[in-house]
Amino acid sequence: MPGLFVYPTFLPPPVQAEVLNKLLHRDLSVPSHQTNVHLHYDISYSPELISREGDASFFGPSASDLNHNSKTTPSSISTAQLLNKKLRWITLGGQYDWSNKVYPPGAPPSFPADIKKLVEDAFPMKAEAAIVNIYSPGDTLSVHRDVSEACAQPLVSISLGCDAIFFVAVEEVTATTSPPCADGQAQPISAEYQSHTAAIRLRSGDAVLMSGTSRYAWHGVPKVLADTCPECLRDWPAIGSEAENETYAAFRGWLKGKRVNLNVRQIFASD
């Protein structure tokens, strides 16, 4: 498919684990990184989370007793409910407005420097905004096109955790025809198209680059495959040192039933 590139095992397992740590321990704990849960709940952040004291995380003890109150009803959810059931996406850098399908005016929050370097060192684009999607088996992502950015630089997608089927479709202009003028009147130009479709199984560590003709391709995720998380990541977040295993014991195996997808894009045209 023109402009679509798949990089199997772009991230080796140790780097996959570190990226998960950055996204879900550090970046989820930053209040300016909005999530789908913020739309319906007032998210509570302990002082330890905000200061990252002792590498505090929503997966750790400092957040275990937090309650997150509904904005519309006299109810709340626990942190475990937030992480296990409610959390579907996190925004980094430019905070996309899902209701109005636009990026807010003004300078976006800073993009995490280490994730930015990882992406920009490998791909021809500036990492200015990202959506971290969190899927469980049974979840899907409807077919759509990403058209809100003010430039046509490539999109980069990195898969972590369970496998998924990625669907993509694009129409490529293969020829144009300009009929001769009749009675001095210009005739409409006609075009010939070739359709390209693909269903690709993406595994943990794989990366996808959507560029050129495929930059604005229709794409979606019709299926997340259960029980496909790599063995080395299944116990995440309890896969590090003995101290980390103890700290995150309550969520041991969280990633076994999840797919995390980091989708990075450039918002503004390059100078």
C-alpha atoms as a PDB file:
ATOM      1  CA  MET A   1       0.000   0.000   0.000  1.00  0.00           C
ATOM      2  CA  PRO A   2       1.552   3.337  -1.028  1.00  0.00           C
ATOM      3  CA  GLY A   3       2.957   5.273   1.912  1.00  0.00           C
ATOM      4  CA  LEU A   4       2.176   2.619   4.541  1.00  0.00           C
ATOM      5  CA  PHE A   5       5.159   1.049   6.300  1.00  0.00           C
ATOM      6  CA  VAL A   6       5.088  -1.617   9.018  1.00  0.00           C
ATOM      7  CA  TYR A   7       8.154  -2.142  11.223  1.00  0.00           C
ATOM      8  CA  PRO A   8       7.916  -5.482  13.075  1.00  0.00           C
ATOM      9  CA  THR A   9       9.509  -5.479  16.537  1.00  0.00           C
ATOM     10  CA  PHE A  10      10.488  -1.820  16.189  1.00  0.00           C
ATOM     11  CA  LEU A  11      10.850  -1.738  19.988  1.00  0.00           C
ATOM     12  CA  PRO A  12      12.633  -4.644  21.713  1.00  0.00           C
ATOM     13  CA  PRO A  13      10.948  -5.982  24.887  1.00  0.00           C
ATOM     14  CA  PRO A  14      13.012  -3.985  27.426  1.00  0.00           C
ATOM     15  CA  VAL A  15      12.198  -0.744  25.582  1.00  0.00           C
ATOM     16  CA  GLN A  16       8.528  -1.725  25.378  1.00  0.00           C
ATOM     17  CA  ALA A  17       8.468  -2.080  29.162  1.00  0.00           C
ATOM     18  CA  GLU A  18      10.163   1.282  29.629  1.00  0.00           C
ATOM     19  CA  VAL A  19       7.742   3.043  27.273  1.00  0.00           C
ATOM     20  CA  LEU A  20       4.831   1.534  29.221  1.00  0.00           C
ATOM     21  CA  ASN A  21       6.384   2.853  32.431  1.00  0.00           C
ATOM     22  CA  LYS A  22       6.711   6.349  30.973  1.00  0.00           C
ATOM     23  CA  LEU A  23       3.201   6.481  29.534  1.00  0.00           C
ATOM     24  CA  LEU A  24       1.216   4.833  32.312  1.00  0.00           C
ATOM     25  CA  HIS A  25       3.198   5.650  35.455  1.00  0.00           C
ATOM     26  CA  ARG A  26       4.573   9.105  34.677  1.00  0.00           C
ATOM     27  CA  ASP A  27       2.417  10.652  31.946  1.00  0.00           C
ATOM     28  CA  LEU A  28      -0.953   9.439  33.233  1.00  0.00           C
ATOM     29  CA  SER A  29      -0.099  11.149  36.538  1.00  0.00           C
ATOM     30  CA  VAL A  30       0.233  14.605  34.904  1.00  0.00           C
ATOM     31  CA  PRO A  31      -3.056  16.548  35.330  1.00  0.00           C
ATOM     32  CA  SER A  32      -2.629  18.410  32.018  1.00  0.00           C
ATOM     33  CA  HIS A  33      -2.670  15.077  30.162  1.00  0.00           C
ATOM     34  CA  GLN A  34      -6.414  14.707  29.755  1.00  0.00           C
ATOM     35  CA  THR A  35      -8.147  11.330  29.439  1.00  0.00           C
ATOM     36  CA  ASN A  36     -11.589  10.101  28.458  1.00  0.00           C
ATOM     37  CA  VAL A  37     -12.322   9.732  32.184  1.00  0.00           C
ATOM     38  CA  HIS A  38     -11.874  13.494  32.688  1.00  0.00           C
ATOM     39  CA  LEU A  39     -14.960  14.057  30.530  1.00  0.00           C
ATOM     40  CA  HIS A  40     -17.194  12.462  33.161  1.00  0.00           C
ATOM     41  CA  TYR A  41     -15.251  12.476  36.437  1.00  0.00           C
ATOM     42  CA  ASP A  42     -13.187  14.880  38.522  1.00  0.00           C
ATOM     43  CA  ILE A  43      -9.938  12.953  38.750  1.00  0.00           C
ATOM     44  CA  SER A  44      -8.161  13.101  42.100  1.00  0.00           C
ATOM     45  CA  TYR A  45      -4.379  13.468  42.212  1.00  0.00           C
ATOM     46  CA  SER A  46      -2.511  12.851  45.446  1.00  0.00           C
ATOM     47  CA  PRO A  47       0.424  15.172  46.268  1.00  0.00           C
ATOM     48  CA  GLU A  48       2.728  12.206  45.631  1.00  0.00           C
ATOM     49  CA  LEU A  49       1.340  11.786  42.125  1.00  0.00           C
ATOM     50  CA  ILE A  50       1.738  15.442  41.198  1.00  0.00           C
ATOM     51  CA  SER A  51       5.293  15.630  42.552  1.00  0.00           C
ATOM     52  CA  ARG A  52       6.149  12.107  41.334  1.00  0.00           C
ATOM     53  CA  GLU A  53       7.520  11.508  44.816  1.00  0.00           C
ATOM     54  CA  GLY A  54       9.193   8.122  44.839  1.00  0.00           C
ATOM     55  CA  ASP A  55       8.003   7.589  41.249  1.00  0.00           C
ATOM     56  CA  ALA A  56       4.397   7.578  42.455  1.00  0.00           C
ATOM     57  CA  SER A  57       1.821   6.190  40.019  1.00  0.00           C
ATOM     58  CA  PHE A  58      -1.908   5.552  39.768  1.00  0.00           C
ATOM     59  CA  PHE A  59      -0.885   1.877  39.859  1.00  0.00           C
ATOM     60  CA  GLY A  60       0.873   2.366  43.216  1.00  0.00           C
ATOM     61  CA  PRO A  61      -0.241   2.569  46.859  1.00  0.00           C
ATOM     62  CA  SER A  62      -0.364   6.398  46.922  1.00  0.00           C
ATOM     63  CA  ALA A  63      -3.409   6.337  44.612  1.00  0.00           C
ATOM     64  CA  SER A  64      -5.159   3.228  45.894  1.00  0.00           C
ATOM     65  CA  ASP A  65      -7.503   5.092  48.255  1.00  0.00           C
ATOM     66  CA  LEU A  66      -8.408   7.919  45.871  1.00  0.00           C
ATOM     67  CA  ASN A  67     -12.010   8.364  44.770  1.00  0.00           C
ATOM     68  CA  HIS A  68     -12.908  10.103  41.524  1.00  0.00           C
ATOM     69  CA  ASN A  69     -16.287  11.850  41.673  1.00  0.00           C
ATOM     70  CA  SER A  70     -18.809  11.877  38.847  1.00  0.00           C
ATOM     71  CA  LYS A  71     -19.533  15.285  37.330  1.00  0.00           C
ATOM     72  CA  THR A  72     -23.246  14.544  36.902  1.00  0.00           C
ATOM     73  CA  THR A  73     -24.315  12.080  39.605  1.00  0.00           C
ATOM     74  CA  PRO A  74     -23.580  11.610  43.334  1.00  0.00           C
ATOM     75  CA  SER A  75     -21.299   8.657  42.639  1.00  0.00           C
ATOM     76  CA  SER A  76     -17.609   7.949  42.329  1.00  0.00           C
ATOM     77  CA  ILE A  77     -15.183   5.343  41.072  1.00  0.00           C
ATOM     78  CA  SER A  78     -12.053   3.949  42.669  1.00  0.00           C
ATOM     79  CA  THR A  79      -8.620   4.065  41.099  1.00  0.00           C
ATOM     80  CA  ALA A  80      -8.873   0.329  40.389  1.00  0.00           C
ATOM     81  CA  GLN A  81     -12.121   0.913  38.471  1.00  0.00           C
ATOM     82  CA  LEU A  82     -10.512   3.797  36.588  1.00  0.00           C
ATOM     83  CA  LEU A  83      -7.553   1.686  35.469  1.00  0.00           C
ATOM     84  CA  ASN A  84      -9.311  -1.625  34.887  1.00  0.00           C
ATOM     85  CA  LYS A  85     -12.583  -0.507  33.294  1.00  0.00           C
ATOM     86  CA  LYS A  86     -12.827   3.204  32.492  1.00  0.00           C
ATOM     87  CA  LEU A  87      -9.511   4.347  31.019  1.00  0.00           C
ATOM     88  CA  ARG A  88      -9.625   4.309  27.201  1.00  0.00           C
ATOM     89  CA  TRP A  89      -7.269   7.091  26.117  1.00  0.00           C
ATOM     90  CA  ILE A  90      -4.705   9.635  27.313  1.00  0.00           C
ATOM     91  CA  THR A  91      -3.587  12.734  25.401  1.00  0.00           C
ATOM     92  CA  LEU A  92       0.018  13.973  25.374  1.00  0.00           C
ATOM     93  CA  GLY A  93       1.241  17.330  24.082  1.00  0.00           C
ATOM     94  CA  GLY A  94      -1.526  18.960  22.027  1.00  0.00           C
ATOM     95  CA  GLN A  95      -4.787  18.197  23.847  1.00  0.00           C
ATOM     96  CA  TYR A  96      -7.241  17.167  21.145  1.00  0.00           C
ATOM     97  CA  ASP A  97     -10.840  18.303  21.723  1.00  0.00           C
ATOM     98  CA  TRP A  98     -12.828  15.155  20.953  1.00  0.00           C
ATOM     99  CA  SER A  99     -16.187  16.951  21.140  1.00  0.00           C
ATOM    100  CA  ASN A 100     -15.356  19.596  18.519  1.00  0.00           C
ATOM    101  CA  LYS A 101     -12.720  17.570  16.607  1.00  0.00           C
ATOM    102  CA  VAL A 102     -10.100  20.332  16.823  1.00  0.00           C
ATOM    103  CA  TYR A 103      -6.922  21.191  18.672  1.00  0.00           C
ATOM    104  CA  PRO A 104      -7.363  24.155  21.059  1.00  0.00           C
ATOM    105  CA  PRO A 105      -5.713  27.429  19.949  1.00  0.00           C
ATOM    106  CA  GLY A 106      -2.430  28.487  21.492  1.00  0.00           C
ATOM    107  CA  ALA A 107       0.748  26.649  22.327  1.00  0.00           C
ATOM    108  CA  PRO A 108       0.147  23.026  23.382  1.00  0.00           C
ATOM    109  CA  PRO A 109       1.596  21.545  26.586  1.00  0.00           C
ATOM    110  CA  SER A 110       5.117  20.237  26.191  1.00  0.00           C
ATOM    111  CA  PHE A 111       5.450  16.753  24.734  1.00  0.00           C
ATOM    112  CA  PRO A 112       7.359  14.209  26.880  1.00  0.00           C
ATOM    113  CA  ALA A 113      10.977  14.683  25.830  1.00  0.00           C
ATOM    114  CA  ASP A 114      12.049  11.027  25.907  1.00  0.00           C
ATOM    115  CA  ILE A 115       9.071   9.803  23.867  1.00  0.00           C
ATOM    116  CA  LYS A 116       9.629  12.706  21.471  1.00  0.00           C
ATOM    117  CA  LYS A 117      13.271  11.725  20.941  1.00  0.00           C
ATOM    118  CA  LEU A 118      12.375   8.060  20.445  1.00  0.00           C
ATOM    119  CA  VAL A 119       9.904   8.909  17.669  1.00  0.00           C
ATOM    120  CA  GLU A 120      11.799  11.739  15.975  1.00  0.00           C
ATOM    121  CA  ASP A 121      15.072   9.806  15.831  1.00  0.00           C
ATOM    122  CA  ALA A 122      13.337   7.110  13.789  1.00  0.00           C
ATOM    123  CA  PHE A 123      10.657   8.854  11.729  1.00  0.00           C
ATOM    124  CA  PRO A 124      10.421  12.002   9.527  1.00  0.00           C
ATOM    125  CA  MET A 125       8.051  14.057  11.670  1.00  0.00           C
ATOM    126  CA  LYS A 126       7.867  16.206  14.800  1.00  0.00           C
ATOM    127  CA  ALA A 127       6.175  14.623  17.809  1.00  0.00           C
ATOM    128  CA  GLU A 128       3.778  17.356  18.958  1.00  0.00           C
ATOM    129  CA  ALA A 129       0.685  15.430  20.048  1.00  0.00           C
ATOM    130  CA  ALA A 130      -0.198  11.848  20.857  1.00  0.00           C
ATOM    131  CA  ILE A 131      -3.171   9.752  21.806  1.00  0.00           C
ATOM    132  CA  VAL A 132      -2.481   6.701  23.935  1.00  0.00           C
ATOM    133  CA  ASN A 133      -5.350   4.267  23.328  1.00  0.00           C
ATOM    134  CA  ILE A 134      -6.034   1.509  25.868  1.00  0.00           C
ATOM    135  CA  TYR A 135      -8.042  -1.458  24.587  1.00  0.00           C
ATOM    136  CA  SER A 136      -9.370  -4.651  26.144  1.00  0.00           C
ATOM    137  CA  PRO A 137     -10.406  -7.707  24.099  1.00  0.00           C
ATOM    138  CA  GLY A 138     -13.848  -6.904  22.719  1.00  0.00           C
ATOM    139  CA  ASP A 139     -13.038  -3.209  22.247  1.00  0.00           C
ATOM    140  CA  THR A 140     -12.838  -1.744  18.747  1.00  0.00           C
ATOM    141  CA  LEU A 141     -11.845   1.510  17.082  1.00  0.00           C
ATOM    142  CA  SER A 142     -14.244   2.663  14.375  1.00  0.00           C
ATOM    143  CA  VAL A 143     -12.885   3.293  10.895  1.00  0.00           C
ATOM    144  CA  HIS A 144     -11.909   6.963  10.585  1.00  0.00           C
ATOM    145  CA  ARG A 145      -9.428   9.405   9.055  1.00  0.00           C
ATOM    146  CA  ASP A 146      -7.084  11.723  11.005  1.00  0.00           C
ATOM    147  CA  VAL A 147      -7.619  15.115   9.350  1.00  0.00           C
ATOM    148  CA  SER A 148      -7.427  17.684  12.184  1.00  0.00           C
ATOM    149  CA  GLU A 149      -3.708  18.454  11.948  1.00  0.00           C
ATOM    150  CA  ALA A 150      -2.533  21.517   9.996  1.00  0.00           C
ATOM    151  CA  CYS A 151       0.079  19.546   8.077  1.00  0.00           C
ATOM    152  CA  ALA A 152       0.439  16.330   6.136  1.00  0.00           C
ATOM    153  CA  GLN A 153       3.419  14.908   8.007  1.00  0.00           C
ATOM    154  CA  PRO A 154       3.244  11.168   8.728  1.00  0.00           C
ATOM    155  CA  LEU A 155       1.439   9.485  11.605  1.00  0.00           C
ATOM    156  CA  VAL A 156       3.348   7.025  13.772  1.00  0.00           C
ATOM    157  CA  SER A 157       1.661   4.230  15.715  1.00  0.00           C
ATOM    158  CA  ILE A 158       3.397   1.901  18.202  1.00  0.00           C
ATOM    159  CA  SER A 159       1.669  -1.200  19.608  1.00  0.00           C
ATOM    160  CA  LEU A 160       2.232  -2.608  23.107  1.00  0.00           C
ATOM    161  CA  GLY A 161       0.615  -5.562  24.859  1.00  0.00           C
ATOM    162  CA  CYS A 162      -1.986  -7.745  23.134  1.00  0.00           C
ATOM    163  CA  ASP A 163      -2.099  -8.230  19.360  1.00  0.00           C
ATOM    164  CA  ALA A 164      -4.688  -6.414  17.251  1.00  0.00           C
ATOM    165  CA  ILE A 165      -6.018  -6.435  13.712  1.00  0.00           C
ATOM    166  CA  PHE A 166      -5.377  -3.092  12.000  1.00  0.00           C
ATOM    167  CA  PHE A 167      -7.567  -2.276   8.999  1.00  0.00           C
ATOM    168  CA  VAL A 168      -6.535   0.383   6.485  1.00  0.00           C
ATOM    169  CA  ALA A 169      -7.985   1.493   3.150  1.00  0.00           C
ATOM    170  CA  VAL A 170      -7.008   4.193   0.671  1.00  0.00           C
ATOM    171  CA  GLU A 171      -7.827   5.239  -2.876  1.00  0.00           C
ATOM    172  CA  GLU A 172      -4.867   6.242  -5.056  1.00  0.00           C
ATOM    173  CA  VAL A 173      -5.262   8.433  -8.140  1.00  0.00           C
ATOM    174  CA  THR A 174      -3.661   6.466 -10.964  1.00  0.00           C
ATOM    175  CA  ALA A 175      -4.590   8.616 -13.978  1.00  0.00           C
ATOM    176  CA  THR A 176      -6.398  11.810 -14.903  1.00  0.00           C
ATOM    177  CA  THR A 177      -8.146  12.625 -18.163  1.00  0.00           C
ATOM    178  CA  SER A 178      -8.909  16.096 -19.515  1.00  0.00           C
ATOM    179  CA  PRO A 179     -11.363  15.882 -22.443  1.00  0.00           C
ATOM    180  CA  PRO A 180     -10.892  18.352 -25.304  1.00  0.00           C
ATOM    181  CA  CYS A 181     -12.830  21.598 -25.095  1.00  0.00           C
ATOM    182  CA  ALA A 182     -16.263  21.616 -26.710  1.00  0.00           C
ATOM    183  CA  ASP A 183     -17.584  24.913 -28.069  1.00  0.00           C
ATOM    184  CA  GLY A 184     -14.884  26.734 -26.150  1.00  0.00           C
ATOM    185  CA  GLN A 185     -16.065  25.324 -22.823  1.00  0.00           C
ATOM    186  CA  ALA A 186     -13.614  23.521 -20.559  1.00  0.00           C
ATOM    187  CA  GLN A 187     -14.639  19.972 -19.722  1.00  0.00           C
ATOM    188  CA  PRO A 188     -14.342  18.501 -16.215  1.00  0.00           C
ATOM    189  CA  ILE A 189     -11.245  16.489 -15.479  1.00  0.00           C
ATOM    190  CA  SER A 190     -11.943  12.851 -14.693  1.00  0.00           C
ATOM    191  CA  ALA A 191      -9.749  10.654 -12.533  1.00  0.00           C
ATOM    192  CA  GLU A 192      -9.096   6.959 -12.276  1.00  0.00           C
ATOM    193  CA  TYR A 193      -8.579   5.437  -8.850  1.00  0.00           C
ATOM    194  CA  GLN A 194      -7.097   2.249  -7.516  1.00  0.00           C
ATOM    195  CA  SER A 195      -8.360   1.041  -4.147  1.00  0.00           C
ATOM    196  CA  HIS A 196      -5.967  -0.487  -1.627  1.00  0.00           C
ATOM    197  CA  THR A 197      -7.130  -2.296   1.506  1.00  0.00           C
ATOM    198  CA  ALA A 198      -5.256  -4.324   4.078  1.00  0.00           C
ATOM    199  CA  ALA A 199      -5.867  -6.099   7.370  1.00  0.00           C
ATOM    200  CA  ILE A 200      -2.625  -6.373   9.322  1.00  0.00           C
ATOM    201  CA  ARG A 201      -1.952  -8.223  12.558  1.00  0.00           C
ATOM    202  CA  LEU A 202       0.079  -5.939  14.807  1.00  0.00           C
ATOM    203  CA  ARG A 203       2.070  -7.354  17.712  1.00  0.00           C
ATOM    204  CA  SER A 204       3.677  -5.780  20.729  1.00  0.00           C
ATOM    205  CA  GLY A 205       6.619  -3.619  19.689  1.00  0.00           C
ATOM    206  CA  ASP A 206       5.474  -3.172  16.079  1.00  0.00           C
ATOM    207  CA  ALA A 207       5.341   0.322  14.579  1.00  0.00           C
ATOM    208  CA  VAL A 208       3.301   1.670  11.671  1.00  0.00           C
ATOM    209  CA  LEU A 209       4.107   4.766   9.605  1.00  0.00           C
ATOM    210  CA  MET A 210       1.255   6.314   7.598  1.00  0.00           C
ATOM    211  CA  SER A 211       2.728   8.731   5.062  1.00  0.00           C
ATOM    212  CA  GLY A 212       2.103  10.105   1.584  1.00  0.00           C
ATOM    213  CA  THR A 213      -1.040   8.627   0.052  1.00  0.00           C
ATOM    214  CA  SER A 214      -1.715   6.674   3.262  1.00  0.00           C
ATOM    215  CA  ARG A 215      -1.486   9.706   5.570  1.00  0.00           C
ATOM    216  CA  TYR A 216      -5.231  10.295   5.307  1.00  0.00           C
ATOM    217  CA  ALA A 217      -6.228   6.671   4.822  1.00  0.00           C
ATOM    218  CA  TRP A 218      -9.305   5.243   6.460  1.00  0.00           C
ATOM    219  CA  HIS A 219      -8.210   3.016   9.317  1.00  0.00           C
ATOM    220  CA  GLY A 220      -9.496   1.303  12.428  1.00  0.00           C
ATOM    221  CA  VAL A 221      -9.100  -1.603  14.837  1.00  0.00           C
ATOM    222  CA  PRO A 222     -11.883  -4.196  14.443  1.00  0.00           C
ATOM    223  CA  LYS A 223     -10.433  -6.716  16.878  1.00  0.00           C
ATOM    224  CA  VAL A 224      -8.065  -7.034  19.840  1.00  0.00           C
ATOM    225  CA  LEU A 225      -6.870 -10.613  20.325  1.00  0.00           C
ATOM    226  CA  ALA A 226      -7.104 -12.029  23.847  1.00  0.00           C
ATOM    227  CA  ASP A 227      -4.224 -13.940  25.460  1.00  0.00           C
ATOM    228  CA  THR A 228      -1.605 -12.627  23.030  1.00  0.00           C
ATOM    229  CA  CYS A 229       0.422 -10.330  25.284  1.00  0.00           C
ATOM    230  CA  PRO A 230       4.106 -11.372  25.223  1.00  0.00           C
ATOM    231  CA  GLU A 231       5.151 -13.460  28.207  1.00  0.00           C
ATOM    232  CA  CYS A 232       7.816 -10.921  29.174  1.00  0.00           C
ATOM    233  CA  LEU A 233       5.184  -8.178  29.594  1.00  0.00           C
ATOM    234  CA  ARG A 234       2.203 -10.113  30.952  1.00  0.00           C
ATOM    235  CA  ASP A 235       2.847  -9.219  34.595  1.00  0.00           C
ATOM    236  CA  TRP A 236       3.326  -5.504  33.899  1.00  0.00           C
ATOM    237  CA  PRO A 237       3.469  -3.274  35.949  1.00  0.00           C
ATOM    238  CA  ALA A 238       5.057  -5.795  38.352  1.00  0.00           C
ATOM    239  CA  ILE A 239       7.974  -6.840  36.132  1.00  0.00           C
ATOM    240  CA  GLY A 240      10.904  -4.827  37.482  1.00  0.00           C
ATOM    241  CA  SER A 241      12.923  -5.032  40.653  1.00  0.00           C
ATOM    242  CA  GLU A 242      11.724  -6.794  43.785  1.00  0.00           C
ATOM    243  CA  ALA A 243      10.656  -3.426  45.199  1.00  0.00           C
ATOM    244  CA  GLU A 244       8.673  -2.588  42.046  1.00  0.00           C
ATOM    245  CA  ASN A 245       7.013  -5.994  42.093  1.00  0.00           C
ATOM    246  CA  GLU A 246       5.855  -5.349  45.637  1.00  0.00           C
ATOM    247  CA  THR A 247       4.731  -1.778  44.900  1.00  0.00           C
ATOM    248  CA  TYR A 248       2.575  -2.797  41.940  1.00  0.00           C
ATOM    249  CA  ALA A 249       1.459  -6.215  43.202  1.00  0.00           C
ATOM    250  CA  ALA A 250      -2.224  -5.175  43.229  1.00  0.00           C
ATOM    251  CA  PHE A 251      -2.126  -4.703  39.454  1.00  0.00           C
ATOM    252  CA  ARG A 252       0.140  -7.615  38.535  1.00  0.00           C
ATOM    253  CA  GLY A 253      -0.974  -8.913  35.149  1.00  0.00           C
ATOM    254  CA  TRP A 254      -2.865  -5.730  34.158  1.00  0.00           C
ATOM    255  CA  LEU A 255      -1.291  -5.703  30.683  1.00  0.00           C
ATOM    256  CA  LYS A 256      -2.188  -9.358  30.063  1.00  0.00           C
ATOM    257  CA  GLY A 257      -5.669  -8.205  29.076  1.00  0.00           C
ATOM    258  CA  LYS A 258      -4.797  -4.886  27.408  1.00  0.00           C
ATOM    259  CA  ARG A 259      -3.486  -3.397  24.206  1.00  0.00           C
ATOM    260  CA  VAL A 260      -1.804   0.002  24.496  1.00  0.00           C
ATOM    261  CA  ASN A 261      -1.319   1.969  21.291  1.00  0.00           C
ATOM    262  CA  LEU A 262       0.781   5.136  21.114  1.00  0.00           C
ATOM    263  CA  ASN A 263      -0.326   7.227  18.128  1.00  0.00           C
ATOM    264  CA  VAL A 264       1.907  10.249  17.495  1.00  0.00           C
ATOM    265  CA  ARG A 265       1.311  13.116  15.086  1.00  0.00           C
ATOM    266  CA  GLN A 266       2.690  16.513  14.088  1.00  0.00           C
ATOM    267  CA  ILE A 267       0.142  19.318  14.538  1.00  0.00           C
ATOM    268  CA  PHE A 268       1.799  22.269  12.824  1.00  0.00           C
ATOM    269  CA  ALA A 269       3.494  22.667   9.453  1.00  0.00           C
ATOM    270  CA  SER A 270       7.290  22.675   9.604  1.00  0.00           C
ATOM    271  CA  ASP A 271       9.060  26.029   9.308  1.00  0.00           C
END
